[in-house]
Amino acid sequence: MKVVIIAGGKGTRIASVATEIPKAMIPINGKPVIEYQVELAKRYGLTDFIFIIGHLGEQIETYFDNGSKWGVTITYYKEKKALGTAGALAYLKSNLQEDFFVFYGDTVMDIDLEKMLDYHKKNNSDATLLVHPNDHPYDSDIVDVDENGRVKKIFIKPHPVGFISRNLVNAALFIFSPKVLNHIELGVKSHIEKDVLPACLDAGMILYGYNSPEYIKDMGTPERYQKVCEDVISGKVSKLNWKFERPAVFLDRDGIISKEINLLHKAEQLELIEGAAEAIKYINEKGYLAIVVTNQPVIARNLCTLDELYFMHAKLETLLGEKHAYLNAIYFCPHHPHGGYPEERKEYKIKCDCRKPATGMLIQAGKDWNIDISNSIMIGDRDSDVQAGENAGVKISVMIEQNKPYALLDALKTLI
């Protein structure tokens, strides 16, 4: 399986860091960023590379040559003119006869590529995009997926005023089938996100978003470059690989993040508690996963539909994103064990293993995100929240005052 690394960019946004070397050769802790990518791919058995080069590309060729120093094979395609992130791929059809990875050469990452490839194959996907939440979704390309992860639409930045969506952004790591190349016009400048992927969706192709909490950041600006250098040196980049368990902070929703309103069931009713976004940002910065686990009997009561609940959660993620905070996942229980309401949905009026104080949501999240439950935290505003955490075996399970400004942040600062 081949890996195509797009390394032809001029790096105009990061020119103050380096102007006489190509962006992909800018050093991080003494090593070019693209070298980290080669080493990552080789770790997962990927040793056949095509480098797309352009501006100052001869420096990349001189440094890597044929790749033998790294135990890999490298060939080169040199752009005669700038063709965007996608244009040069059209010239590589004869070399890309089976599924292949695409890396951007200015990206620092440590991703379990085997796990991503397994996901791609399992879903028989024509194109798989690595997606994740970030702390600036308002100026990122948003990937809209269904409950199974299949991509429905890609919303290219800038977004209109009032735009509401899940915080799930394109992270710029792809697996493509050769079919994707049919949507790239030869000799025409084009971009993967803006042009190619929307064309694939319009053609009815199967695209999936692979959601991962692993480390992947571009270093396209001086500020981002400084941050990724710090993260590489500190070991943060490698520690976030899937093979390592991570602790989580499990959070109830109502009364903890959003204001408690009895049977909240409309998006316009949802409002953040003061200080909640700062608290979620604190979780993000401390390296914990931020996981919401919430009982939502409004579904069983037929007060709103699943789509309306998803929209409420999209609004929640949008409000948090505006304040540079993000949730890794939201789990909800739609059930309620007691019947008797004339409008109720009887299929949800059952005793389940997900409604807190049962542990179903926490256990499922643990499996989905490789969570170290024994070192995790549960925070809620009811006895059932505390009991759910204790039943699941978290390290600490606490109750804080409902709707109190900054209560969540204050609690976190004593716990983490």
Protein backbone atom coordinates (compact mmCIF):
# COMPACT_ATOMS: atom_id res chain seq x y z
CA MET A 1 0.00 0.00 0.00
CA LYS A 2 1.40 3.37 -1.04
CA VAL A 3 1.63 6.59 0.95
CA VAL A 4 1.41 9.85 -0.99
CA ILE A 5 2.86 12.83 0.85
CA ILE A 6 1.88 16.22 -0.51
CA ALA A 7 4.95 18.36 0.11
CA GLY A 8 4.87 21.03 -2.57
CA GLY A 9 3.52 24.00 -0.59
CA LYS A 10 5.43 27.25 -0.29
CA GLY A 11 4.49 27.80 3.35
CA THR A 12 3.65 31.49 3.02
CA ARG A 13 1.95 31.57 6.45
CA ILE A 14 5.03 30.18 8.18
CA ALA A 15 7.60 32.17 6.23
CA SER A 16 8.87 33.91 9.37
CA VAL A 17 10.07 30.53 10.67
CA ALA A 18 11.88 29.39 7.52
CA THR A 19 12.03 30.86 4.04
CA GLU A 20 14.90 29.01 2.39
CA ILE A 21 13.62 25.44 2.90
CA PRO A 22 10.35 23.81 1.87
CA LYS A 23 7.65 23.69 4.52
CA ALA A 24 7.84 19.89 4.84
CA MET A 25 11.55 20.17 5.71
CA ILE A 26 11.13 22.62 8.60
CA PRO A 27 12.80 20.94 11.58
CA ILE A 28 11.07 19.94 14.79
CA ASN A 29 13.51 19.01 17.52
CA GLY A 30 16.25 18.68 14.90
CA LYS A 31 14.33 16.52 12.42
CA PRO A 32 12.26 17.55 9.36
CA VAL A 33 8.53 17.15 9.93
CA ILE A 34 8.20 14.92 6.87
CA GLU A 35 10.78 12.53 8.35
CA TYR A 36 8.48 11.93 11.31
CA GLN A 37 5.79 10.97 8.80
CA VAL A 38 8.05 8.47 7.04
CA GLU A 39 8.97 6.90 10.37
CA LEU A 40 5.32 6.73 11.44
CA ALA A 41 4.24 5.00 8.23
CA LYS A 42 7.11 2.52 8.40
CA ARG A 43 6.12 1.62 11.98
CA TYR A 44 2.86 0.30 10.51
CA GLY A 45 4.49 -1.55 7.62
CA LEU A 46 3.98 1.14 4.98
CA THR A 47 7.24 1.52 3.07
CA ASP A 48 6.26 2.62 -0.46
CA PHE A 49 6.10 6.42 -0.81
CA ILE A 50 5.39 8.99 -3.49
CA PHE A 51 6.45 12.53 -2.58
CA ILE A 52 4.70 15.31 -4.46
CA ILE A 53 7.19 18.18 -4.45
CA GLY A 54 7.32 21.67 -5.84
CA HIS A 55 8.78 24.80 -4.25
CA LEU A 56 12.41 24.04 -3.24
CA GLY A 57 11.59 20.37 -3.71
CA GLU A 58 15.14 19.47 -4.68
CA GLN A 59 16.05 19.85 -0.99
CA ILE A 60 13.62 17.04 -0.15
CA GLU A 61 15.08 14.85 -2.90
CA THR A 62 18.63 15.51 -1.73
CA TYR A 63 17.79 14.68 1.88
CA PHE A 64 15.74 11.51 1.30
CA ASP A 65 17.08 10.30 -2.06
CA ASN A 66 15.42 6.91 -2.74
CA GLY A 67 14.57 6.32 0.92
CA SER A 68 17.00 3.46 1.49
CA LYS A 69 18.48 5.13 4.57
CA TRP A 70 15.08 4.69 6.23
CA GLY A 71 14.40 1.24 4.79
CA VAL A 72 11.67 2.54 2.50
CA THR A 73 11.22 3.29 -1.20
CA ILE A 74 10.59 6.88 -2.29
CA THR A 75 9.74 8.17 -5.74
CA TYR A 76 8.96 11.76 -6.65
CA TYR A 77 6.49 13.74 -8.71
CA LYS A 78 7.56 17.35 -9.21
CA GLU A 79 4.85 19.87 -10.02
CA LYS A 80 5.65 22.18 -12.91
CA LYS A 81 3.09 24.60 -11.53
CA ALA A 82 1.21 24.77 -8.25
CA LEU A 83 -1.85 22.50 -8.48
CA GLY A 84 -3.27 22.76 -4.97
CA THR A 85 -3.55 19.80 -2.63
CA ALA A 86 -5.23 17.57 -5.22
CA GLY A 87 -4.13 18.53 -8.72
CA ALA A 88 -0.94 16.48 -8.89
CA LEU A 89 -2.77 13.28 -7.90
CA ALA A 90 -4.37 13.22 -11.36
CA TYR A 91 -0.91 12.52 -12.85
CA LEU A 92 -0.38 9.51 -10.59
CA LYS A 93 -3.25 7.27 -11.72
CA SER A 94 -0.97 4.64 -13.21
CA ASN A 95 0.96 4.46 -9.92
CA LEU A 96 -2.10 4.31 -7.68
CA GLN A 97 -4.00 1.20 -8.69
CA GLU A 98 -5.11 0.27 -5.16
CA ASP A 99 -6.15 2.13 -2.02
CA PHE A 100 -3.52 4.54 -0.69
CA PHE A 101 -2.87 6.95 2.18
CA VAL A 102 -2.54 10.70 1.66
CA PHE A 103 -0.53 12.78 4.14
CA TYR A 104 -0.08 16.54 4.14
CA GLY A 105 3.61 17.30 4.51
CA ASP A 106 3.15 20.03 7.14
CA THR A 107 1.29 17.79 9.60
CA VAL A 108 2.62 16.50 12.90
CA MET A 109 0.84 13.32 13.98
CA ASP A 110 1.04 9.98 15.72
CA ILE A 111 -1.89 7.95 14.44
CA ASP A 112 -2.53 4.22 14.61
CA LEU A 113 -2.63 3.83 10.82
CA GLU A 114 -3.50 0.14 11.03
CA LYS A 115 -6.63 0.88 13.06
CA MET A 116 -7.68 3.58 10.58
CA LEU A 117 -7.09 1.22 7.65
CA ASP A 118 -9.15 -1.51 9.33
CA TYR A 119 -12.02 0.98 9.71
CA HIS A 120 -11.71 1.94 6.04
CA LYS A 121 -11.88 -1.69 4.92
CA LYS A 122 -14.68 -2.64 7.31
CA ASN A 123 -16.90 0.06 5.83
CA ASN A 124 -15.94 -0.68 2.23
CA SER A 125 -15.22 3.03 1.97
CA ASP A 126 -14.16 4.83 -1.20
CA ALA A 127 -12.55 7.55 0.92
CA THR A 128 -11.94 7.74 4.65
CA LEU A 129 -11.16 11.04 6.34
CA LEU A 130 -9.61 11.36 9.78
CA VAL A 131 -11.93 13.65 11.74
CA HIS A 132 -11.88 15.02 15.26
CA PRO A 133 -13.18 17.93 17.34
CA ASN A 134 -10.89 20.92 17.77
CA ASP A 135 -10.81 24.21 19.64
CA HIS A 136 -11.58 26.36 16.60
CA PRO A 137 -14.40 24.68 14.63
CA TYR A 138 -15.78 28.05 13.53
CA ASP A 139 -12.84 28.47 11.11
CA SER A 140 -12.40 24.79 10.18
CA ASP A 141 -13.99 22.58 7.53
CA ILE A 142 -16.84 20.71 9.24
CA VAL A 143 -17.59 17.08 8.34
CA ASP A 144 -21.22 16.07 8.83
CA VAL A 145 -21.60 12.33 9.43
CA ASP A 146 -24.52 10.07 10.27
CA GLU A 147 -24.74 7.90 13.38
CA ASN A 148 -22.57 5.25 11.67
CA GLY A 149 -19.84 7.67 10.62
CA ARG A 150 -20.78 7.92 6.93
CA VAL A 151 -20.11 11.39 5.57
CA LYS A 152 -23.24 13.26 4.51
CA LYS A 153 -21.76 16.65 3.67
CA ILE A 154 -18.66 18.76 4.11
CA PHE A 155 -19.13 22.39 5.12
CA ILE A 156 -16.18 24.42 3.88
CA LYS A 157 -15.11 27.46 5.88
CA PRO A 158 -16.00 30.28 6.25
CA HIS A 159 -19.34 29.43 7.81
CA PRO A 160 -22.38 31.73 7.82
CA VAL A 161 -23.45 33.60 10.92
CA GLY A 162 -25.58 31.36 13.12
CA PHE A 163 -24.14 28.13 11.69
CA ILE A 164 -24.76 25.20 14.07
CA SER A 165 -23.04 21.86 13.73
CA ARG A 166 -21.26 19.10 15.54
CA ASN A 167 -17.64 19.92 16.24
CA LEU A 168 -16.17 17.38 13.86
CA VAL A 169 -13.51 18.73 11.56
CA ASN A 170 -11.37 17.40 8.77
CA ALA A 171 -7.91 16.61 10.19
CA ALA A 172 -6.16 16.25 6.78
CA LEU A 173 -5.27 12.54 6.73
CA PHE A 174 -6.97 10.35 4.14
CA ILE A 175 -7.29 6.87 2.69
CA PHE A 176 -8.45 6.98 -0.93
CA SER A 177 -9.48 4.34 -3.39
CA PRO A 178 -8.36 4.88 -7.01
CA LYS A 179 -11.97 5.93 -7.79
CA VAL A 180 -11.28 9.26 -6.11
CA LEU A 181 -8.76 10.13 -8.83
CA ASN A 182 -11.57 10.16 -11.41
CA HIS A 183 -12.79 13.38 -9.81
CA ILE A 184 -9.54 15.28 -10.25
CA GLU A 185 -9.14 17.10 -13.56
CA LEU A 186 -5.73 16.80 -15.20
CA GLY A 187 -3.74 20.04 -15.21
CA VAL A 188 -6.26 22.00 -13.17
CA LYS A 189 -5.54 23.40 -9.72
CA SER A 190 -7.87 21.81 -7.17
CA HIS A 191 -8.12 20.99 -3.50
CA ILE A 192 -9.07 17.78 -1.74
CA GLU A 193 -11.51 19.34 0.73
CA LYS A 194 -13.03 22.06 -1.40
CA ASP A 195 -13.27 20.29 -4.75
CA VAL A 196 -12.58 16.56 -4.73
CA LEU A 197 -14.47 15.26 -1.71
CA PRO A 198 -17.68 17.21 -2.51
CA ALA A 199 -17.51 15.84 -6.06
CA CYS A 200 -17.18 12.31 -4.68
CA LEU A 201 -20.24 12.84 -2.48
CA ASP A 202 -22.22 14.26 -5.40
CA ALA A 203 -21.33 11.13 -7.37
CA GLY A 204 -22.76 8.91 -4.62
CA MET A 205 -19.44 7.50 -3.48
CA ILE A 206 -19.04 6.05 0.00
CA LEU A 207 -17.10 8.33 2.34
CA TYR A 208 -16.54 7.74 6.06
CA GLY A 209 -15.21 9.88 8.88
CA TYR A 210 -12.79 8.07 11.16
CA ASN A 211 -13.06 9.84 14.53
CA SER A 212 -9.88 9.68 16.56
CA PRO A 213 -8.60 11.53 19.65
CA GLU A 214 -4.98 10.97 18.61
CA TYR A 215 -2.56 13.82 17.97
CA ILE A 216 -2.64 15.49 14.57
CA LYS A 217 -1.96 19.17 13.96
CA ASP A 218 -0.68 21.21 11.05
CA MET A 219 2.23 23.56 11.70
CA GLY A 220 1.21 26.07 9.06
CA THR A 221 1.64 29.21 11.19
CA PRO A 222 4.45 30.32 13.52
CA GLU A 223 2.14 29.90 16.51
CA ARG A 224 1.15 26.36 15.56
CA TYR A 225 4.76 25.51 14.79
CA GLN A 226 5.82 26.57 18.27
CA LYS A 227 3.02 24.51 19.81
CA VAL A 228 3.80 21.29 17.94
CA CYS A 229 7.48 21.65 18.77
CA GLU A 230 6.56 21.79 22.45
CA ASP A 231 4.25 18.80 22.08
CA VAL A 232 6.88 16.67 20.33
CA ILE A 233 9.55 17.48 22.89
CA SER A 234 7.22 16.87 25.86
CA GLY A 235 6.15 13.48 24.48
CA LYS A 236 2.51 14.52 24.19
CA VAL A 237 2.35 13.58 20.49
CA SER A 238 3.34 9.95 21.02
CA LYS A 239 1.38 9.52 24.26
CA LEU A 240 -1.93 10.16 22.51
CA ASN A 241 -1.59 7.18 20.14
CA TRP A 242 -4.49 4.69 20.36
CA LYS A 243 -2.28 2.01 21.87
CA PHE A 244 -2.20 3.94 25.16
CA GLU A 245 -5.25 4.13 27.43
CA ARG A 246 -6.33 7.62 28.41
CA PRO A 247 -8.36 8.82 31.39
CA ALA A 248 -11.63 10.64 30.86
CA VAL A 249 -13.82 13.08 32.69
CA PHE A 250 -17.38 11.81 32.40
CA LEU A 251 -19.91 14.63 32.68
CA ASP A 252 -23.63 14.85 33.12
CA ARG A 253 -25.12 17.41 30.73
CA ASP A 254 -27.99 19.29 32.37
CA GLY A 255 -27.05 21.31 35.41
CA ILE A 256 -23.33 20.68 34.79
CA ILE A 257 -22.62 22.03 31.28
CA SER A 258 -25.99 23.38 30.16
CA LYS A 259 -28.54 24.95 32.47
CA GLU A 260 -30.97 22.52 34.07
CA ILE A 261 -34.44 23.03 32.63
CA ASN A 262 -37.06 20.42 33.45
CA LEU A 263 -37.42 18.14 30.42
CA LEU A 264 -35.31 20.32 28.14
CA HIS A 265 -36.33 19.34 24.63
CA LYS A 266 -35.82 22.34 22.35
CA ALA A 267 -32.52 23.68 21.06
CA GLU A 268 -33.54 27.26 21.78
CA GLN A 269 -33.85 26.33 25.47
CA LEU A 270 -30.25 25.17 25.71
CA GLU A 271 -27.84 27.60 27.39
CA LEU A 272 -24.35 27.11 28.76
CA ILE A 273 -23.74 27.54 32.47
CA GLU A 274 -21.26 30.33 33.11
CA GLY A 275 -17.78 28.87 33.29
CA ALA A 276 -18.75 25.54 31.69
CA ALA A 277 -16.77 26.18 28.51
CA GLU A 278 -13.71 27.15 30.52
CA ALA A 279 -14.08 23.90 32.46
CA ILE A 280 -14.26 21.79 29.29
CA LYS A 281 -11.24 23.63 27.90
CA TYR A 282 -9.39 22.80 31.13
CA ILE A 283 -10.18 19.10 30.57
CA ASN A 284 -8.90 19.36 26.98
CA GLU A 285 -5.66 21.01 28.06
CA LYS A 286 -5.01 18.43 30.79
CA GLY A 287 -5.13 15.59 28.25
CA TYR A 288 -8.30 13.94 29.54
CA LEU A 289 -11.11 12.92 27.22
CA ALA A 290 -14.29 14.96 27.78
CA ILE A 291 -17.24 12.55 27.58
CA VAL A 292 -20.87 13.50 28.25
CA VAL A 293 -23.13 10.75 29.62
CA THR A 294 -26.70 11.97 29.97
CA ASN A 295 -30.14 10.47 30.64
CA GLN A 296 -32.58 11.86 28.08
CA PRO A 297 -36.07 10.51 28.83
CA VAL A 298 -37.51 13.24 26.58
CA ILE A 299 -37.18 10.69 23.79
CA ALA A 300 -39.24 8.08 25.67
CA ARG A 301 -41.73 10.80 26.60
CA ASN A 302 -41.97 11.73 22.89
CA LEU A 303 -41.20 15.37 23.65
CA CYS A 304 -38.62 15.48 20.87
CA THR A 305 -37.23 13.26 18.14
CA LEU A 306 -33.74 11.81 17.95
CA ASP A 307 -32.92 14.29 15.19
CA GLU A 308 -34.03 17.16 17.43
CA LEU A 309 -31.85 15.81 20.25
CA TYR A 310 -28.88 15.54 17.88
CA PHE A 311 -29.45 19.17 16.88
CA MET A 312 -29.48 20.20 20.54
CA HIS A 313 -26.15 18.49 20.99
CA ALA A 314 -24.83 20.18 17.86
CA LYS A 315 -25.80 23.51 19.39
CA LEU A 316 -24.03 22.53 22.62
CA GLU A 317 -20.85 21.69 20.68
CA THR A 318 -21.13 24.92 18.69
CA LEU A 319 -21.44 27.06 21.83
CA LEU A 320 -18.45 25.31 23.39
CA GLY A 321 -16.42 25.62 20.18
CA GLU A 322 -16.99 29.37 20.13
CA LYS A 323 -15.11 29.43 23.44
CA HIS A 324 -12.29 27.13 22.24
CA ALA A 325 -13.54 24.02 24.08
CA TYR A 326 -14.67 20.65 22.75
CA LEU A 327 -16.27 17.38 23.78
CA ASN A 328 -14.87 14.11 22.49
CA ALA A 329 -18.24 12.37 22.57
CA ILE A 330 -21.81 12.59 23.82
CA TYR A 331 -23.62 9.45 24.98
CA PHE A 332 -27.28 9.55 25.90
CA CYS A 333 -29.87 7.12 27.21
CA PRO A 334 -33.28 7.62 25.53
CA HIS A 335 -35.10 5.19 27.82
CA HIS A 336 -37.34 5.52 30.85
CA PRO A 337 -38.63 2.54 32.82
CA HIS A 338 -42.00 3.95 33.91
CA GLY A 339 -44.97 4.17 31.58
CA GLY A 340 -48.28 5.93 31.83
CA TYR A 341 -47.93 9.01 29.65
CA PRO A 342 -50.43 9.10 26.76
CA GLU A 343 -47.91 10.42 24.23
CA GLU A 344 -45.03 8.15 25.25
CA ARG A 345 -43.03 5.97 22.87
CA LYS A 346 -43.45 2.47 24.25
CA GLU A 347 -40.32 1.09 22.53
CA TYR A 348 -38.25 3.32 24.82
CA LYS A 349 -40.24 2.58 27.97
CA ILE A 350 -38.00 -0.23 29.11
CA LYS A 351 -35.52 -1.01 31.84
CA CYS A 352 -32.10 -0.73 30.22
CA ASP A 353 -28.44 -0.97 31.17
CA CYS A 354 -27.59 2.57 30.01
CA ARG A 355 -29.80 4.80 32.16
CA LYS A 356 -27.75 6.09 35.10
CA PRO A 357 -27.09 4.82 37.74
CA ALA A 358 -26.50 1.88 35.38
CA THR A 359 -23.09 1.89 33.74
CA GLY A 360 -23.87 1.20 30.09
CA MET A 361 -22.88 4.60 28.71
CA LEU A 362 -19.61 4.74 30.63
CA ILE A 363 -18.65 1.18 29.72
CA GLN A 364 -19.45 1.72 26.05
CA ALA A 365 -17.43 4.93 26.00
CA GLY A 366 -14.56 3.06 27.61
CA LYS A 367 -14.56 0.54 24.78
CA ASP A 368 -15.00 3.13 22.04
CA TRP A 369 -12.22 5.43 23.23
CA ASN A 370 -9.79 3.05 24.98
CA ILE A 371 -10.42 4.82 28.30
CA ASP A 372 -8.59 4.03 31.51
CA ILE A 373 -11.76 3.85 33.61
CA SER A 374 -9.88 3.27 36.86
CA ASN A 375 -8.16 6.66 36.55
CA SER A 376 -11.20 8.54 35.25
CA ILE A 377 -13.60 10.96 36.94
CA MET A 378 -17.41 11.25 36.98
CA ILE A 379 -19.04 14.60 37.74
CA GLY A 380 -22.80 15.15 37.99
CA ASP A 381 -25.46 16.89 40.00
CA ARG A 382 -27.50 13.86 41.15
CA ASP A 383 -26.96 10.78 43.25
CA SER A 384 -27.55 8.66 40.15
CA ASP A 385 -24.53 10.30 38.46
CA VAL A 386 -22.26 9.55 41.40
CA GLN A 387 -23.58 6.00 41.65
CA ALA A 388 -23.03 5.37 37.94
CA GLY A 389 -19.42 6.43 38.26
CA GLU A 390 -18.86 4.26 41.31
CA ASN A 391 -20.59 1.30 39.67
CA ALA A 392 -18.33 1.68 36.61
CA GLY A 393 -15.20 1.77 38.74
CA VAL A 394 -13.99 5.33 38.14
CA LYS A 395 -11.31 6.71 40.43
CA ILE A 396 -13.41 9.64 41.66
CA SER A 397 -17.16 10.23 41.42
CA VAL A 398 -18.48 13.54 42.73
CA MET A 399 -21.64 15.64 42.81
CA ILE A 400 -21.54 19.41 42.45
CA GLU A 401 -24.17 22.11 42.81
CA GLN A 402 -26.60 22.29 39.91
CA ASN A 403 -26.45 25.35 37.61
CA LYS A 404 -23.82 27.07 39.75
CA PRO A 405 -21.45 29.30 37.75
CA TYR A 406 -17.87 27.97 37.65
CA ALA A 407 -18.75 25.04 39.93
CA LEU A 408 -17.46 22.54 37.36
CA LEU A 409 -14.19 24.40 36.81
CA ASP A 410 -13.62 24.80 40.54
CA ALA A 411 -14.20 21.07 41.06
CA LEU A 412 -11.88 20.09 38.23
CA LYS A 413 -9.06 22.21 39.60
CA THR A 414 -9.18 20.20 42.83
CA LEU A 415 -9.42 16.85 41.02
CA ILE A 416 -6.92 17.17 38.15
